[in-house]
Amino acid sequence: MLKKVFIIFSSILAFPAFSKESKIPKTNTYVFCSPVNARSSWRWAVDTNNNYVTATGYWKTVEREVKIIYGVSYDPFTYVFVINSSEYKRIISYCEKDEFIQPADSFTSSWYAFSVESN
């Protein structure tokens, strides 16, 4: 009997390991639109009801090329907000054709990019 309970319990615990669901917890972040030629004139993306648009995905750390400016080495890591392709198609519709979409958790967030995960 104990052996059956152990096998059932082990199967329940192992099931998520074989699942195709993402292991990284999903979260939401706001979307802003930044004009290609006037990056400082960005605006929050809003829907037809004037509500702020959010995207569902997860933050991921990525390594970038280290830049040394005036002898100072800057952090070689940055973040991207990873979304799926359907989420990308949904949120891009809230910005104009000559605007980038970018993720931000608040008004004071640094400038990051979206990354669309491949299937």
C-alpha atoms as a PDB file:
ATOM      1  CA  MET A   1       0.000   0.000   0.000  1.00  0.00           C
ATOM      2  CA  LEU A   2       2.779   2.417   0.924  1.00  0.00           C
ATOM      3  CA  LYS A   3       4.490   1.658  -2.386  1.00  0.00           C
ATOM      4  CA  LYS A   4       1.305   2.587  -4.332  1.00  0.00           C
ATOM      5  CA  VAL A   5       0.974   5.848  -2.419  1.00  0.00           C
ATOM      6  CA  PHE A   6       4.626   6.664  -3.141  1.00  0.00           C
ATOM      7  CA  ILE A   7       4.187   5.951  -6.875  1.00  0.00           C
ATOM      8  CA  ILE A   8       1.046   8.078  -7.118  1.00  0.00           C
ATOM      9  CA  PHE A   9       2.611  10.935  -5.152  1.00  0.00           C
ATOM     10  CA  SER A  10       5.793  10.791  -7.269  1.00  0.00           C
ATOM     11  CA  SER A  11       3.718  10.866 -10.465  1.00  0.00           C
ATOM     12  CA  ILE A  12       1.823  13.937  -9.301  1.00  0.00           C
ATOM     13  CA  LEU A  13       5.078  15.752  -8.480  1.00  0.00           C
ATOM     14  CA  ALA A  14       6.736  14.724 -11.754  1.00  0.00           C
ATOM     15  CA  PHE A  15       3.820  15.745 -13.977  1.00  0.00           C
ATOM     16  CA  PRO A  16       4.696  19.473 -14.058  1.00  0.00           C
ATOM     17  CA  ALA A  17       8.240  18.614 -15.180  1.00  0.00           C
ATOM     18  CA  PHE A  18       6.828  17.106 -18.384  1.00  0.00           C
ATOM     19  CA  SER A  19       4.328  19.883 -18.962  1.00  0.00           C
ATOM     20  CA  LYS A  20       4.830  22.347 -21.823  1.00  0.00           C
ATOM     21  CA  GLU A  21       3.781  25.223 -19.564  1.00  0.00           C
ATOM     22  CA  SER A  22       6.418  27.817 -18.834  1.00  0.00           C
ATOM     23  CA  LYS A  23       8.210  27.305 -15.525  1.00  0.00           C
ATOM     24  CA  ILE A  24       8.734  31.055 -15.149  1.00  0.00           C
ATOM     25  CA  PRO A  25       5.821  32.794 -13.455  1.00  0.00           C
ATOM     26  CA  LYS A  26       3.890  35.136 -15.721  1.00  0.00           C
ATOM     27  CA  THR A  27       3.434  38.746 -14.711  1.00  0.00           C
ATOM     28  CA  ASN A  28       2.046  41.941 -16.211  1.00  0.00           C
ATOM     29  CA  THR A  29       3.783  45.149 -17.165  1.00  0.00           C
ATOM     30  CA  TYR A  30       2.617  48.364 -18.787  1.00  0.00           C
ATOM     31  CA  VAL A  31       3.242  49.204 -22.424  1.00  0.00           C
ATOM     32  CA  PHE A  32       4.436  52.533 -23.728  1.00  0.00           C
ATOM     33  CA  CYS A  33       4.833  53.816 -27.257  1.00  0.00           C
ATOM     34  CA  SER A  34       8.011  55.600 -28.257  1.00  0.00           C
ATOM     35  CA  PRO A  35       8.251  57.475 -31.595  1.00  0.00           C
ATOM     36  CA  VAL A  36      11.139  56.389 -33.813  1.00  0.00           C
ATOM     37  CA  ASN A  37      12.332  59.960 -34.443  1.00  0.00           C
ATOM     38  CA  ALA A  38      11.437  61.561 -31.087  1.00  0.00           C
ATOM     39  CA  ARG A  39      12.201  59.010 -28.384  1.00  0.00           C
ATOM     40  CA  SER A  40      11.713  61.504 -25.560  1.00  0.00           C
ATOM     41  CA  SER A  41       8.084  62.059 -26.653  1.00  0.00           C
ATOM     42  CA  TRP A  42       6.906  58.665 -25.464  1.00  0.00           C
ATOM     43  CA  ARG A  43       3.377  57.981 -24.211  1.00  0.00           C
ATOM     44  CA  TRP A  44       1.601  55.235 -22.301  1.00  0.00           C
ATOM     45  CA  ALA A  45      -0.424  52.916 -24.540  1.00  0.00           C
ATOM     46  CA  VAL A  46      -4.145  53.180 -23.806  1.00  0.00           C
ATOM     47  CA  ASP A  47      -7.133  51.223 -25.090  1.00  0.00           C
ATOM     48  CA  THR A  48     -10.412  52.617 -26.477  1.00  0.00           C
ATOM     49  CA  ASN A  49     -11.700  53.170 -22.912  1.00  0.00           C
ATOM     50  CA  ASN A  50      -8.564  55.164 -22.028  1.00  0.00           C
ATOM     51  CA  ASN A  51      -7.255  52.357 -19.755  1.00  0.00           C
ATOM     52  CA  TYR A  52      -3.537  51.654 -19.647  1.00  0.00           C
ATOM     53  CA  VAL A  53      -2.529  48.658 -21.765  1.00  0.00           C
ATOM     54  CA  THR A  54      -0.641  45.843 -20.029  1.00  0.00           C
ATOM     55  CA  ALA A  55       1.247  42.906 -21.492  1.00  0.00           C
ATOM     56  CA  THR A  56       1.495  39.437 -19.973  1.00  0.00           C
ATOM     57  CA  GLY A  57       4.884  37.714 -19.974  1.00  0.00           C
ATOM     58  CA  TYR A  58       8.004  37.522 -17.844  1.00  0.00           C
ATOM     59  CA  TRP A  59      11.184  39.503 -17.277  1.00  0.00           C
ATOM     60  CA  LYS A  60      14.417  37.871 -18.426  1.00  0.00           C
ATOM     61  CA  THR A  61      18.024  38.935 -17.880  1.00  0.00           C
ATOM     62  CA  VAL A  62      20.166  39.033 -21.026  1.00  0.00           C
ATOM     63  CA  GLU A  63      23.841  39.705 -21.463  1.00  0.00           C
ATOM     64  CA  ARG A  64      24.939  42.482 -23.776  1.00  0.00           C
ATOM     65  CA  GLU A  65      28.264  43.732 -24.990  1.00  0.00           C
ATOM     66  CA  VAL A  66      30.186  45.526 -22.240  1.00  0.00           C
ATOM     67  CA  LYS A  67      30.629  49.212 -22.976  1.00  0.00           C
ATOM     68  CA  ILE A  68      33.511  51.210 -21.560  1.00  0.00           C
ATOM     69  CA  ILE A  69      32.968  54.954 -21.673  1.00  0.00           C
ATOM     70  CA  TYR A  70      35.669  57.275 -20.331  1.00  0.00           C
ATOM     71  CA  GLY A  71      37.323  54.347 -18.576  1.00  0.00           C
ATOM     72  CA  VAL A  72      34.143  53.296 -16.736  1.00  0.00           C
ATOM     73  CA  SER A  73      32.750  49.815 -17.360  1.00  0.00           C
ATOM     74  CA  TYR A  74      28.955  49.624 -17.386  1.00  0.00           C
ATOM     75  CA  ASP A  75      26.770  46.692 -16.345  1.00  0.00           C
ATOM     76  CA  PRO A  76      26.807  44.104 -19.155  1.00  0.00           C
ATOM     77  CA  PHE A  77      23.317  42.853 -18.258  1.00  0.00           C
ATOM     78  CA  THR A  78      19.922  44.212 -19.180  1.00  0.00           C
ATOM     79  CA  TYR A  79      16.362  42.945 -19.188  1.00  0.00           C
ATOM     80  CA  VAL A  80      13.780  42.086 -21.805  1.00  0.00           C
ATOM     81  CA  PHE A  81      10.101  41.374 -21.242  1.00  0.00           C
ATOM     82  CA  VAL A  82       9.321  38.092 -23.007  1.00  0.00           C
ATOM     83  CA  ILE A  83       5.880  37.713 -24.590  1.00  0.00           C
ATOM     84  CA  ASN A  84       4.325  35.291 -27.084  1.00  0.00           C
ATOM     85  CA  SER A  85       3.452  36.263 -30.664  1.00  0.00           C
ATOM     86  CA  SER A  86      -0.292  36.668 -30.054  1.00  0.00           C
ATOM     87  CA  GLU A  87       0.423  39.048 -27.171  1.00  0.00           C
ATOM     88  CA  TYR A  88       2.789  41.004 -29.432  1.00  0.00           C
ATOM     89  CA  LYS A  89       0.113  41.335 -32.127  1.00  0.00           C
ATOM     90  CA  ARG A  90      -2.398  42.506 -29.525  1.00  0.00           C
ATOM     91  CA  ILE A  91      -0.271  45.204 -27.884  1.00  0.00           C
ATOM     92  CA  ILE A  92       1.337  46.586 -31.041  1.00  0.00           C
ATOM     93  CA  SER A  93      -2.112  47.681 -32.218  1.00  0.00           C
ATOM     94  CA  TYR A  94      -2.164  50.352 -29.472  1.00  0.00           C
ATOM     95  CA  CYS A  95       0.825  52.202 -30.931  1.00  0.00           C
ATOM     96  CA  GLU A  96       1.241  54.050 -34.224  1.00  0.00           C
ATOM     97  CA  LYS A  97       3.187  52.564 -37.136  1.00  0.00           C
ATOM     98  CA  ASP A  98       6.191  54.834 -36.489  1.00  0.00           C
ATOM     99  CA  GLU A  99       6.402  53.956 -32.773  1.00  0.00           C
ATOM    100  CA  PHE A 100       8.244  51.266 -30.835  1.00  0.00           C
ATOM    101  CA  ILE A 101       6.443  49.336 -28.126  1.00  0.00           C
ATOM    102  CA  GLN A 102       8.353  49.049 -24.873  1.00  0.00           C
ATOM    103  CA  PRO A 103       7.650  47.537 -21.438  1.00  0.00           C
ATOM    104  CA  ALA A 104       7.735  49.469 -18.164  1.00  0.00           C
ATOM    105  CA  ASP A 105       6.586  48.756 -14.624  1.00  0.00           C
ATOM    106  CA  SER A 106       6.414  52.446 -13.724  1.00  0.00           C
ATOM    107  CA  PHE A 107       7.109  55.988 -14.902  1.00  0.00           C
ATOM    108  CA  THR A 108      10.658  55.755 -13.536  1.00  0.00           C
ATOM    109  CA  SER A 109      11.548  52.396 -15.130  1.00  0.00           C
ATOM    110  CA  SER A 110      14.613  52.142 -17.315  1.00  0.00           C
ATOM    111  CA  TRP A 111      14.161  51.635 -21.050  1.00  0.00           C
ATOM    112  CA  TYR A 112      13.884  47.974 -21.978  1.00  0.00           C
ATOM    113  CA  ALA A 113      12.597  45.985 -24.941  1.00  0.00           C
ATOM    114  CA  PHE A 114      10.063  43.282 -25.648  1.00  0.00           C
ATOM    115  CA  SER A 115      11.273  39.903 -26.830  1.00  0.00           C
ATOM    116  CA  VAL A 116       8.888  37.564 -28.664  1.00  0.00           C
ATOM    117  CA  GLU A 117       9.419  33.930 -27.734  1.00  0.00           C
ATOM    118  CA  SER A 118       9.675  31.427 -30.553  1.00  0.00           C
ATOM    119  CA  ASN A 119       7.308  28.482 -30.697  1.00  0.00           C
END
